């Protein structure tokens, strides 16, 4: 069992990692400067003094880079990995700058992470959460009794997926978590989803439709049991939306009530904490009130 570090601990860990080594981008910048000096030196061969000075400076910088990398700091595999991802990150940033749907997704994910993460610092990640996230790529109905962590898992899934999307990782997704208790029946389900995303992204309806068709969106309807009409309107409108946007992964959470809609795929039971995990959760809650 693992838990997410507290915000202060996480900030301290990040600061320590950042202070251990200079960035590889610094080495790259020094190398480029040295290369420019050497090239200029060869170009200015008619003035030996300046050419020699530039050649010496450039050679000295290259030597410094070699010493920093291979003697003092050494080249870290994580930095090599970050360089290998530069093309992917570059394409992602260009797409975000040029495509309205990508820009809307970026704004929404950034806002979602900022709003959720402060509330998830004390949350304990149960072992079953990872399996639920793997299933979430295809959608399912998550069923569990009150207090077993359905909403908590949905928020963690949304936060983690959004963070990976912002980092241009292949497993990142745009996760829209809609509490069904807030759904006003004078609004269609589509209009409610659009207004929910619009608050953070300020996207047009056309851009929103493109986003829903992009294949990177998951929608979590949280609290099916809280619908006073038994879910009849949700079932009808979801059927239309799932036909229109087949690339969306639809997820529904509900308490153990019957009947449950079958249009969300398989029914998965919420893995509750065992006695040891429950004791850890209880202690963590008490600490949050006393700290």
C-alpha atoms as a PDB file:
ATOM      1  CA  UNK A   1       0.000   0.000   0.000  1.00  0.00           C
ATOM      2  CA  UNK A   2       1.293   3.424  -0.906  1.00  0.00           C
ATOM      3  CA  UNK A   3       0.059   6.870  -0.114  1.00  0.00           C
ATOM      4  CA  UNK A   4       0.476  10.196  -1.833  1.00  0.00           C
ATOM      5  CA  UNK A   5       2.982  12.386   0.058  1.00  0.00           C
ATOM      6  CA  UNK A   6       1.719  15.417   1.895  1.00  0.00           C
ATOM      7  CA  UNK A   7       2.058  18.681  -0.027  1.00  0.00           C
ATOM      8  CA  UNK A   8       4.930  19.991   2.136  1.00  0.00           C
ATOM      9  CA  UNK A   9       6.798  16.705   1.872  1.00  0.00           C
ATOM     10  CA  UNK A  10       6.320  16.611  -1.884  1.00  0.00           C
ATOM     11  CA  UNK A  11       7.639  20.163  -2.285  1.00  0.00           C
ATOM     12  CA  UNK A  12      10.695  19.299  -0.193  1.00  0.00           C
ATOM     13  CA  UNK A  13      11.382  16.176  -2.247  1.00  0.00           C
ATOM     14  CA  UNK A  14      11.136  18.113  -5.486  1.00  0.00           C
ATOM     15  CA  UNK A  15      13.484  20.792  -4.162  1.00  0.00           C
ATOM     16  CA  UNK A  16      16.085  18.179  -3.184  1.00  0.00           C
ATOM     17  CA  UNK A  17      15.962  16.551  -6.605  1.00  0.00           C
ATOM     18  CA  UNK A  18      16.308  19.870  -8.369  1.00  0.00           C
ATOM     19  CA  UNK A  19      19.354  20.830  -6.281  1.00  0.00           C
ATOM     20  CA  UNK A  20      21.281  17.629  -6.947  1.00  0.00           C
ATOM     21  CA  UNK A  21      22.377  18.306 -10.513  1.00  0.00           C
ATOM     22  CA  UNK A  22      22.401  21.146 -13.025  1.00  0.00           C
ATOM     23  CA  UNK A  23      20.063  20.678 -15.931  1.00  0.00           C
ATOM     24  CA  UNK A  24      21.329  18.964 -19.063  1.00  0.00           C
ATOM     25  CA  UNK A  25      19.940  21.947 -20.949  1.00  0.00           C
ATOM     26  CA  UNK A  26      22.744  23.983 -19.353  1.00  0.00           C
ATOM     27  CA  UNK A  27      25.309  21.630 -20.856  1.00  0.00           C
ATOM     28  CA  UNK A  28      23.581  21.871 -24.219  1.00  0.00           C
ATOM     29  CA  UNK A  29      23.541  25.677 -24.085  1.00  0.00           C
ATOM     30  CA  UNK A  30      27.248  25.821 -23.215  1.00  0.00           C
ATOM     31  CA  UNK A  31      28.061  23.444 -26.049  1.00  0.00           C
ATOM     32  CA  UNK A  32      26.112  25.550 -28.553  1.00  0.00           C
ATOM     33  CA  UNK A  33      27.855  28.713 -27.378  1.00  0.00           C
ATOM     34  CA  UNK A  34      31.232  27.027 -27.674  1.00  0.00           C
ATOM     35  CA  UNK A  35      30.392  25.765 -31.150  1.00  0.00           C
ATOM     36  CA  UNK A  36      29.402  29.263 -32.192  1.00  0.00           C
ATOM     37  CA  UNK A  37      32.663  30.677 -30.887  1.00  0.00           C
ATOM     38  CA  UNK A  38      34.731  28.081 -32.704  1.00  0.00           C
ATOM     39  CA  UNK A  39      32.839  28.639 -35.963  1.00  0.00           C
ATOM     40  CA  UNK A  40      33.323  32.391 -35.660  1.00  0.00           C
ATOM     41  CA  UNK A  41      37.006  31.842 -34.931  1.00  0.00           C
ATOM     42  CA  UNK A  42      37.540  29.896 -38.126  1.00  0.00           C
ATOM     43  CA  UNK A  43      35.633  32.564 -40.035  1.00  0.00           C
ATOM     44  CA  UNK A  44      37.919  35.292 -38.635  1.00  0.00           C
ATOM     45  CA  UNK A  45      41.206  33.657 -39.536  1.00  0.00           C
ATOM     46  CA  UNK A  46      42.506  36.919 -41.046  1.00  0.00           C
ATOM     47  CA  UNK A  47      42.635  38.416 -37.566  1.00  0.00           C
ATOM     48  CA  UNK A  48      44.645  35.818 -35.621  1.00  0.00           C
ATOM     49  CA  UNK A  49      44.325  37.449 -32.232  1.00  0.00           C
ATOM     50  CA  UNK A  50      40.525  37.363 -32.165  1.00  0.00           C
ATOM     51  CA  UNK A  51      40.364  33.977 -33.820  1.00  0.00           C
ATOM     52  CA  UNK A  52      42.767  32.477 -31.322  1.00  0.00           C
ATOM     53  CA  UNK A  53      40.893  33.992 -28.415  1.00  0.00           C
ATOM     54  CA  UNK A  54      37.561  32.628 -29.593  1.00  0.00           C
ATOM     55  CA  UNK A  55      39.054  29.211 -30.311  1.00  0.00           C
ATOM     56  CA  UNK A  56      40.505  29.070 -26.819  1.00  0.00           C
ATOM     57  CA  UNK A  57      37.248  30.161 -25.217  1.00  0.00           C
ATOM     58  CA  UNK A  58      35.233  27.660 -27.221  1.00  0.00           C
ATOM     59  CA  UNK A  59      37.616  24.803 -26.504  1.00  0.00           C
ATOM     60  CA  UNK A  60      37.605  25.704 -22.827  1.00  0.00           C
ATOM     61  CA  UNK A  61      33.816  25.620 -22.667  1.00  0.00           C
ATOM     62  CA  UNK A  62      33.675  22.231 -24.364  1.00  0.00           C
ATOM     63  CA  UNK A  63      36.252  20.930 -21.917  1.00  0.00           C
ATOM     64  CA  UNK A  64      34.194  22.283 -19.032  1.00  0.00           C
ATOM     65  CA  UNK A  65      31.094  20.526 -20.300  1.00  0.00           C
ATOM     66  CA  UNK A  66      32.960  17.230 -20.621  1.00  0.00           C
ATOM     67  CA  UNK A  67      34.306  17.574 -17.087  1.00  0.00           C
ATOM     68  CA  UNK A  68      30.881  18.470 -15.671  1.00  0.00           C
ATOM     69  CA  UNK A  69      29.199  15.525 -17.340  1.00  0.00           C
ATOM     70  CA  UNK A  70      31.709  12.714 -17.017  1.00  0.00           C
ATOM     71  CA  UNK A  71      33.777  13.679 -13.955  1.00  0.00           C
ATOM     72  CA  UNK A  72      31.766  15.833 -11.556  1.00  0.00           C
ATOM     73  CA  UNK A  73      28.040  15.340 -12.202  1.00  0.00           C
ATOM     74  CA  UNK A  74      27.802  12.496 -14.706  1.00  0.00           C
ATOM     75  CA  UNK A  75      25.042  12.135 -17.241  1.00  0.00           C
ATOM     76  CA  UNK A  76      21.788  11.010 -15.671  1.00  0.00           C
ATOM     77  CA  UNK A  77      19.529   8.578 -17.488  1.00  0.00           C
ATOM     78  CA  UNK A  78      16.520  10.704 -16.581  1.00  0.00           C
ATOM     79  CA  UNK A  79      17.989  13.626 -18.496  1.00  0.00           C
ATOM     80  CA  UNK A  80      18.619  11.438 -21.539  1.00  0.00           C
ATOM     81  CA  UNK A  81      15.007  10.307 -21.312  1.00  0.00           C
ATOM     82  CA  UNK A  82      13.818  13.906 -21.125  1.00  0.00           C
ATOM     83  CA  UNK A  83      15.804  14.742 -24.257  1.00  0.00           C
ATOM     84  CA  UNK A  84      14.329  11.766 -26.115  1.00  0.00           C
ATOM     85  CA  UNK A  85      10.852  13.109 -25.306  1.00  0.00           C
ATOM     86  CA  UNK A  86      11.576  16.553 -26.724  1.00  0.00           C
ATOM     87  CA  UNK A  87       9.992  15.743 -30.138  1.00  0.00           C
ATOM     88  CA  UNK A  88       6.827  14.442 -28.453  1.00  0.00           C
ATOM     89  CA  UNK A  89       6.621  17.446 -26.147  1.00  0.00           C
ATOM     90  CA  UNK A  90       7.305  19.766 -29.082  1.00  0.00           C
ATOM     91  CA  UNK A  91       4.474  18.292 -31.149  1.00  0.00           C
ATOM     92  CA  UNK A  92       2.173  18.525 -28.121  1.00  0.00           C
ATOM     93  CA  UNK A  93       2.975  22.196 -27.575  1.00  0.00           C
ATOM     94  CA  UNK A  94       2.549  23.039 -31.245  1.00  0.00           C
ATOM     95  CA  UNK A  95      -0.818  21.268 -31.259  1.00  0.00           C
ATOM     96  CA  UNK A  96      -1.859  23.140 -28.125  1.00  0.00           C
ATOM     97  CA  UNK A  97      -0.903  26.443 -29.725  1.00  0.00           C
ATOM     98  CA  UNK A  98      -2.567  25.819 -33.097  1.00  0.00           C
ATOM     99  CA  UNK A  99      -5.575  23.546 -32.473  1.00  0.00           C
ATOM    100  CA  UNK A 100      -8.526  24.928 -30.472  1.00  0.00           C
ATOM    101  CA  UNK A 101      -9.570  21.491 -29.190  1.00  0.00           C
ATOM    102  CA  UNK A 102      -6.061  20.792 -27.867  1.00  0.00           C
ATOM    103  CA  UNK A 103      -5.936  24.238 -26.299  1.00  0.00           C
ATOM    104  CA  UNK A 104      -9.292  23.668 -24.596  1.00  0.00           C
ATOM    105  CA  UNK A 105      -8.120  20.286 -23.293  1.00  0.00           C
ATOM    106  CA  UNK A 106      -4.938  21.851 -21.913  1.00  0.00           C
ATOM    107  CA  UNK A 107      -6.816  24.630 -20.122  1.00  0.00           C
ATOM    108  CA  UNK A 108      -9.370  22.241 -18.671  1.00  0.00           C
ATOM    109  CA  UNK A 109      -6.754  19.770 -17.405  1.00  0.00           C
ATOM    110  CA  UNK A 110      -4.658  22.545 -15.908  1.00  0.00           C
ATOM    111  CA  UNK A 111      -7.676  23.929 -14.044  1.00  0.00           C
ATOM    112  CA  UNK A 112      -8.790  20.471 -12.925  1.00  0.00           C
ATOM    113  CA  UNK A 113      -5.399  19.559 -11.474  1.00  0.00           C
ATOM    114  CA  UNK A 114      -5.161  22.901  -9.665  1.00  0.00           C
ATOM    115  CA  UNK A 115      -8.597  22.432  -8.084  1.00  0.00           C
ATOM    116  CA  UNK A 116      -8.280  18.749  -7.121  1.00  0.00           C
ATOM    117  CA  UNK A 117      -4.719  18.264  -5.934  1.00  0.00           C
ATOM    118  CA  UNK A 118      -4.949  20.392  -2.743  1.00  0.00           C
ATOM    119  CA  UNK A 119      -7.779  18.131  -1.557  1.00  0.00           C
ATOM    120  CA  UNK A 120      -6.023  14.861  -2.426  1.00  0.00           C
ATOM    121  CA  UNK A 121      -2.829  15.319  -0.437  1.00  0.00           C
ATOM    122  CA  UNK A 122      -4.040  13.175   2.493  1.00  0.00           C
ATOM    123  CA  UNK A 123      -5.750  10.519   0.382  1.00  0.00           C
ATOM    124  CA  UNK A 124      -4.497   6.947   0.670  1.00  0.00           C
ATOM    125  CA  UNK A 125      -4.330   5.081  -2.621  1.00  0.00           C
ATOM    126  CA  UNK A 126      -5.750   1.621  -2.128  1.00  0.00           C
ATOM    127  CA  UNK A 127      -4.201  -1.249  -4.121  1.00  0.00           C
ATOM    128  CA  UNK A 128      -7.375  -1.717  -6.163  1.00  0.00           C
ATOM    129  CA  UNK A 129      -7.235   1.833  -7.543  1.00  0.00           C
ATOM    130  CA  UNK A 130      -4.624   0.961 -10.180  1.00  0.00           C
ATOM    131  CA  UNK A 131      -6.759  -1.844 -11.591  1.00  0.00           C
ATOM    132  CA  UNK A 132      -9.748   0.492 -11.795  1.00  0.00           C
ATOM    133  CA  UNK A 133      -7.653   2.986 -13.754  1.00  0.00           C
ATOM    134  CA  UNK A 134      -6.673   0.298 -16.266  1.00  0.00           C
ATOM    135  CA  UNK A 135     -10.328  -0.604 -16.744  1.00  0.00           C
ATOM    136  CA  UNK A 136     -11.248   3.067 -17.114  1.00  0.00           C
ATOM    137  CA  UNK A 137      -9.797   3.172 -20.631  1.00  0.00           C
ATOM    138  CA  UNK A 138     -12.838   1.217 -21.835  1.00  0.00           C
ATOM    139  CA  UNK A 139     -15.452   2.433 -19.352  1.00  0.00           C
ATOM    140  CA  UNK A 140     -17.425   0.542 -16.715  1.00  0.00           C
ATOM    141  CA  UNK A 141     -19.975   0.893 -13.933  1.00  0.00           C
ATOM    142  CA  UNK A 142     -18.369   1.233 -10.493  1.00  0.00           C
ATOM    143  CA  UNK A 143     -20.630  -0.009  -7.720  1.00  0.00           C
ATOM    144  CA  UNK A 144     -19.988   0.205  -3.993  1.00  0.00           C
ATOM    145  CA  UNK A 145     -21.634   1.051  -0.715  1.00  0.00           C
ATOM    146  CA  UNK A 146     -21.432   4.501   0.832  1.00  0.00           C
ATOM    147  CA  UNK A 147     -17.998   5.575   2.031  1.00  0.00           C
ATOM    148  CA  UNK A 148     -15.959   3.010   0.087  1.00  0.00           C
ATOM    149  CA  UNK A 149     -14.145   5.669  -1.964  1.00  0.00           C
ATOM    150  CA  UNK A 150     -15.939   5.833  -5.323  1.00  0.00           C
ATOM    151  CA  UNK A 151     -15.789   9.623  -5.571  1.00  0.00           C
ATOM    152  CA  UNK A 152     -12.248   9.688  -4.193  1.00  0.00           C
ATOM    153  CA  UNK A 153     -11.084   7.248  -6.850  1.00  0.00           C
ATOM    154  CA  UNK A 154     -12.812   9.283  -9.581  1.00  0.00           C
ATOM    155  CA  UNK A 155     -11.014  12.439  -8.437  1.00  0.00           C
ATOM    156  CA  UNK A 156      -7.648  10.673  -8.238  1.00  0.00           C
ATOM    157  CA  UNK A 157      -8.139   9.194 -11.685  1.00  0.00           C
ATOM    158  CA  UNK A 158      -9.053  12.592 -13.109  1.00  0.00           C
ATOM    159  CA  UNK A 159      -6.115  14.331 -11.432  1.00  0.00           C
ATOM    160  CA  UNK A 160      -3.515  11.722 -12.417  1.00  0.00           C
ATOM    161  CA  UNK A 161      -4.741  11.408 -16.007  1.00  0.00           C
ATOM    162  CA  UNK A 162      -4.898  15.175 -16.445  1.00  0.00           C
ATOM    163  CA  UNK A 163      -1.378  15.598 -15.074  1.00  0.00           C
ATOM    164  CA  UNK A 164      -0.064  12.994 -17.522  1.00  0.00           C
ATOM    165  CA  UNK A 165      -1.866  14.750 -20.354  1.00  0.00           C
ATOM    166  CA  UNK A 166      -0.236  18.063 -19.433  1.00  0.00           C
ATOM    167  CA  UNK A 167       3.134  16.275 -19.511  1.00  0.00           C
ATOM    168  CA  UNK A 168       2.412  14.956 -23.029  1.00  0.00           C
ATOM    169  CA  UNK A 169       2.424  11.334 -21.854  1.00  0.00           C
ATOM    170  CA  UNK A 170       0.674   8.715 -23.965  1.00  0.00           C
ATOM    171  CA  UNK A 171      -1.490   7.564 -21.035  1.00  0.00           C
ATOM    172  CA  UNK A 172      -2.820  11.049 -20.337  1.00  0.00           C
ATOM    173  CA  UNK A 173      -6.520  11.704 -20.839  1.00  0.00           C
ATOM    174  CA  UNK A 174      -9.012  14.513 -20.396  1.00  0.00           C
ATOM    175  CA  UNK A 175     -11.303  13.297 -17.609  1.00  0.00           C
ATOM    176  CA  UNK A 176     -14.581  15.120 -17.008  1.00  0.00           C
ATOM    177  CA  UNK A 177     -16.041  14.295 -13.581  1.00  0.00           C
ATOM    178  CA  UNK A 178     -19.690  15.340 -13.353  1.00  0.00           C
ATOM    179  CA  UNK A 179     -21.453  15.004  -9.964  1.00  0.00           C
ATOM    180  CA  UNK A 180     -24.950  13.940 -10.971  1.00  0.00           C
ATOM    181  CA  UNK A 181     -26.434  15.537  -7.848  1.00  0.00           C
ATOM    182  CA  UNK A 182     -25.725  18.917  -9.479  1.00  0.00           C
ATOM    183  CA  UNK A 183     -27.399  18.043 -12.771  1.00  0.00           C
ATOM    184  CA  UNK A 184     -30.377  20.314 -13.390  1.00  0.00           C
ATOM    185  CA  UNK A 185     -32.988  18.524 -15.439  1.00  0.00           C
ATOM    186  CA  UNK A 186     -33.896  21.609 -17.434  1.00  0.00           C
ATOM    187  CA  UNK A 187     -30.496  21.159 -19.110  1.00  0.00           C
ATOM    188  CA  UNK A 188     -29.637  18.316 -21.415  1.00  0.00           C
ATOM    189  CA  UNK A 189     -26.792  16.032 -20.432  1.00  0.00           C
ATOM    190  CA  UNK A 190     -24.704  17.361 -23.328  1.00  0.00           C
ATOM    191  CA  UNK A 191     -25.347  20.980 -22.321  1.00  0.00           C
ATOM    192  CA  UNK A 192     -24.430  20.202 -18.710  1.00  0.00           C
ATOM    193  CA  UNK A 193     -21.153  18.611 -19.795  1.00  0.00           C
ATOM    194  CA  UNK A 194     -20.372  21.548 -22.063  1.00  0.00           C
ATOM    195  CA  UNK A 195     -21.037  24.127 -19.331  1.00  0.00           C
ATOM    196  CA  UNK A 196     -18.907  22.096 -16.917  1.00  0.00           C
ATOM    197  CA  UNK A 197     -15.929  22.112 -19.303  1.00  0.00           C
ATOM    198  CA  UNK A 198     -16.538  25.692 -20.482  1.00  0.00           C
ATOM    199  CA  UNK A 199     -15.956  27.086 -16.982  1.00  0.00           C
ATOM    200  CA  UNK A 200     -12.299  26.051 -17.203  1.00  0.00           C
ATOM    201  CA  UNK A 201     -11.566  26.063 -20.938  1.00  0.00           C
ATOM    202  CA  UNK A 202     -13.768  28.863 -22.357  1.00  0.00           C
ATOM    203  CA  UNK A 203     -14.133  26.790 -25.515  1.00  0.00           C
ATOM    204  CA  UNK A 204     -16.830  27.138 -28.143  1.00  0.00           C
ATOM    205  CA  UNK A 205     -19.484  24.484 -28.649  1.00  0.00           C
ATOM    206  CA  UNK A 206     -17.821  23.494 -31.927  1.00  0.00           C
ATOM    207  CA  UNK A 207     -14.462  23.042 -30.208  1.00  0.00           C
ATOM    208  CA  UNK A 208     -16.142  21.013 -27.463  1.00  0.00           C
ATOM    209  CA  UNK A 209     -17.659  18.653 -30.036  1.00  0.00           C
ATOM    210  CA  UNK A 210     -14.235  18.140 -31.615  1.00  0.00           C
ATOM    211  CA  UNK A 211     -12.781  17.442 -28.201  1.00  0.00           C
ATOM    212  CA  UNK A 212     -15.413  14.786 -27.505  1.00  0.00           C
ATOM    213  CA  UNK A 213     -14.584  13.138 -30.840  1.00  0.00           C
ATOM    214  CA  UNK A 214     -10.812  13.207 -30.296  1.00  0.00           C
ATOM    215  CA  UNK A 215     -10.512   9.890 -28.466  1.00  0.00           C
ATOM    216  CA  UNK A 216      -8.736  11.344 -25.411  1.00  0.00           C
ATOM    217  CA  UNK A 217     -11.809  12.033 -23.261  1.00  0.00           C
ATOM    218  CA  UNK A 218     -13.233  10.035 -20.365  1.00  0.00           C
ATOM    219  CA  UNK A 219     -16.476  11.070 -18.677  1.00  0.00           C
ATOM    220  CA  UNK A 220     -17.269  10.040 -15.102  1.00  0.00           C
ATOM    221  CA  UNK A 221     -20.884  10.373 -13.980  1.00  0.00           C
ATOM    222  CA  UNK A 222     -20.581  10.313 -10.195  1.00  0.00           C
ATOM    223  CA  UNK A 223     -23.586   9.337  -8.065  1.00  0.00           C
ATOM    224  CA  UNK A 224     -26.167   7.492 -10.162  1.00  0.00           C
ATOM    225  CA  UNK A 225     -28.069   6.649  -6.976  1.00  0.00           C
ATOM    226  CA  UNK A 226     -28.610  10.383  -6.300  1.00  0.00           C
ATOM    227  CA  UNK A 227     -30.886  10.871  -9.331  1.00  0.00           C
ATOM    228  CA  UNK A 228     -34.440  11.302  -8.083  1.00  0.00           C
ATOM    229  CA  UNK A 229     -36.047   9.983 -11.292  1.00  0.00           C
ATOM    230  CA  UNK A 230     -34.320   6.629 -11.024  1.00  0.00           C
ATOM    231  CA  UNK A 231     -31.904   7.524 -13.799  1.00  0.00           C
ATOM    232  CA  UNK A 232     -34.369   7.264 -16.684  1.00  0.00           C
ATOM    233  CA  UNK A 233     -33.330  10.590 -18.255  1.00  0.00           C
ATOM    234  CA  UNK A 234     -29.631   9.770 -17.846  1.00  0.00           C
ATOM    235  CA  UNK A 235     -30.043   6.390 -19.527  1.00  0.00           C
ATOM    236  CA  UNK A 236     -31.901   7.895 -22.471  1.00  0.00           C
ATOM    237  CA  UNK A 237     -29.508  10.791 -23.054  1.00  0.00           C
ATOM    238  CA  UNK A 238     -26.397   8.711 -22.445  1.00  0.00           C
ATOM    239  CA  UNK A 239     -27.519   6.256 -25.100  1.00  0.00           C
ATOM    240  CA  UNK A 240     -27.675   9.076 -27.652  1.00  0.00           C
ATOM    241  CA  UNK A 241     -24.332  10.551 -26.595  1.00  0.00           C
ATOM    242  CA  UNK A 242     -22.511   7.212 -26.643  1.00  0.00           C
ATOM    243  CA  UNK A 243     -23.775   6.592 -30.189  1.00  0.00           C
ATOM    244  CA  UNK A 244     -22.689  10.052 -31.307  1.00  0.00           C
ATOM    245  CA  UNK A 245     -19.302   9.979 -29.540  1.00  0.00           C
ATOM    246  CA  UNK A 246     -18.176   6.332 -29.539  1.00  0.00           C
ATOM    247  CA  UNK A 247     -14.556   7.193 -28.651  1.00  0.00           C
ATOM    248  CA  UNK A 248     -15.456   8.465 -25.179  1.00  0.00           C
ATOM    249  CA  UNK A 249     -14.833   6.131 -22.233  1.00  0.00           C
ATOM    250  CA  UNK A 250     -17.961   6.379 -20.066  1.00  0.00           C
ATOM    251  CA  UNK A 251     -17.777   5.599 -16.343  1.00  0.00           C
ATOM    252  CA  UNK A 252     -20.669   5.598 -13.876  1.00  0.00           C
ATOM    253  CA  UNK A 253     -20.442   5.350 -10.081  1.00  0.00           C
ATOM    254  CA  UNK A 254     -23.344   4.201  -7.951  1.00  0.00           C
ATOM    255  CA  UNK A 255     -24.246   2.691  -4.639  1.00  0.00           C
ATOM    256  CA  UNK A 256     -25.516  -0.864  -4.594  1.00  0.00           C
ATOM    257  CA  UNK A 257     -28.998  -0.170  -5.898  1.00  0.00           C
ATOM    258  CA  UNK A 258     -31.053  -2.043  -8.454  1.00  0.00           C
ATOM    259  CA  UNK A 259     -31.674  -1.951 -11.307  1.00  0.00           C
ATOM    260  CA  UNK A 260     -28.408  -0.604 -12.738  1.00  0.00           C
ATOM    261  CA  UNK A 261     -28.062   0.590 -16.341  1.00  0.00           C
ATOM    262  CA  UNK A 262     -26.332  -1.855 -18.658  1.00  0.00           C
ATOM    263  CA  UNK A 263     -25.095   0.677 -21.211  1.00  0.00           C
ATOM    264  CA  UNK A 264     -21.870   1.416 -19.304  1.00  0.00           C
ATOM    265  CA  UNK A 265     -20.340  -2.013 -19.797  1.00  0.00           C
ATOM    266  CA  UNK A 266     -19.252  -4.358 -17.041  1.00  0.00           C
ATOM    267  CA  UNK A 267     -20.172  -3.789 -13.411  1.00  0.00           C
ATOM    268  CA  UNK A 268     -17.123  -3.568 -11.141  1.00  0.00           C
ATOM    269  CA  UNK A 269     -17.304  -3.712  -7.368  1.00  0.00           C
ATOM    270  CA  UNK A 270     -15.482  -0.996  -5.459  1.00  0.00           C
ATOM    271  CA  UNK A 271     -12.522  -2.595  -3.635  1.00  0.00           C
ATOM    272  CA  UNK A 272     -12.901  -1.334  -0.077  1.00  0.00           C
ATOM    273  CA  UNK A 273     -10.038  -1.121   2.434  1.00  0.00           C
ATOM    274  CA  UNK A 274      -9.058  -4.123   4.536  1.00  0.00           C
ATOM    275  CA  UNK A 275      -8.892  -3.692   8.346  1.00  0.00           C
ATOM    276  CA  UNK A 276      -5.231  -2.627   8.281  1.00  0.00           C
ATOM    277  CA  UNK A 277      -5.815  -0.071   5.519  1.00  0.00           C
ATOM    278  CA  UNK A 278      -8.924   1.204   7.277  1.00  0.00           C
ATOM    279  CA  UNK A 279      -6.883   1.790  10.443  1.00  0.00           C
ATOM    280  CA  UNK A 280      -4.307   3.781   8.456  1.00  0.00           C
ATOM    281  CA  UNK A 281      -7.092   5.852   6.894  1.00  0.00           C
ATOM    282  CA  UNK A 282      -8.612   6.537  10.314  1.00  0.00           C
ATOM    283  CA  UNK A 283      -5.255   7.708  11.684  1.00  0.00           C
ATOM    284  CA  UNK A 284      -4.659   9.905   8.644  1.00  0.00           C
ATOM    285  CA  UNK A 285      -8.063  11.563   9.075  1.00  0.00           C
ATOM    286  CA  UNK A 286      -7.378  12.216  12.766  1.00  0.00           C
ATOM    287  CA  UNK A 287      -3.981  13.715  11.913  1.00  0.00           C
ATOM    288  CA  UNK A 288      -5.573  16.044   9.362  1.00  0.00           C
ATOM    289  CA  UNK A 289      -7.901  17.424  12.045  1.00  0.00           C
ATOM    290  CA  UNK A 290      -5.192  17.848  14.682  1.00  0.00           C
ATOM    291  CA  UNK A 291      -2.434  19.276  12.455  1.00  0.00           C
END
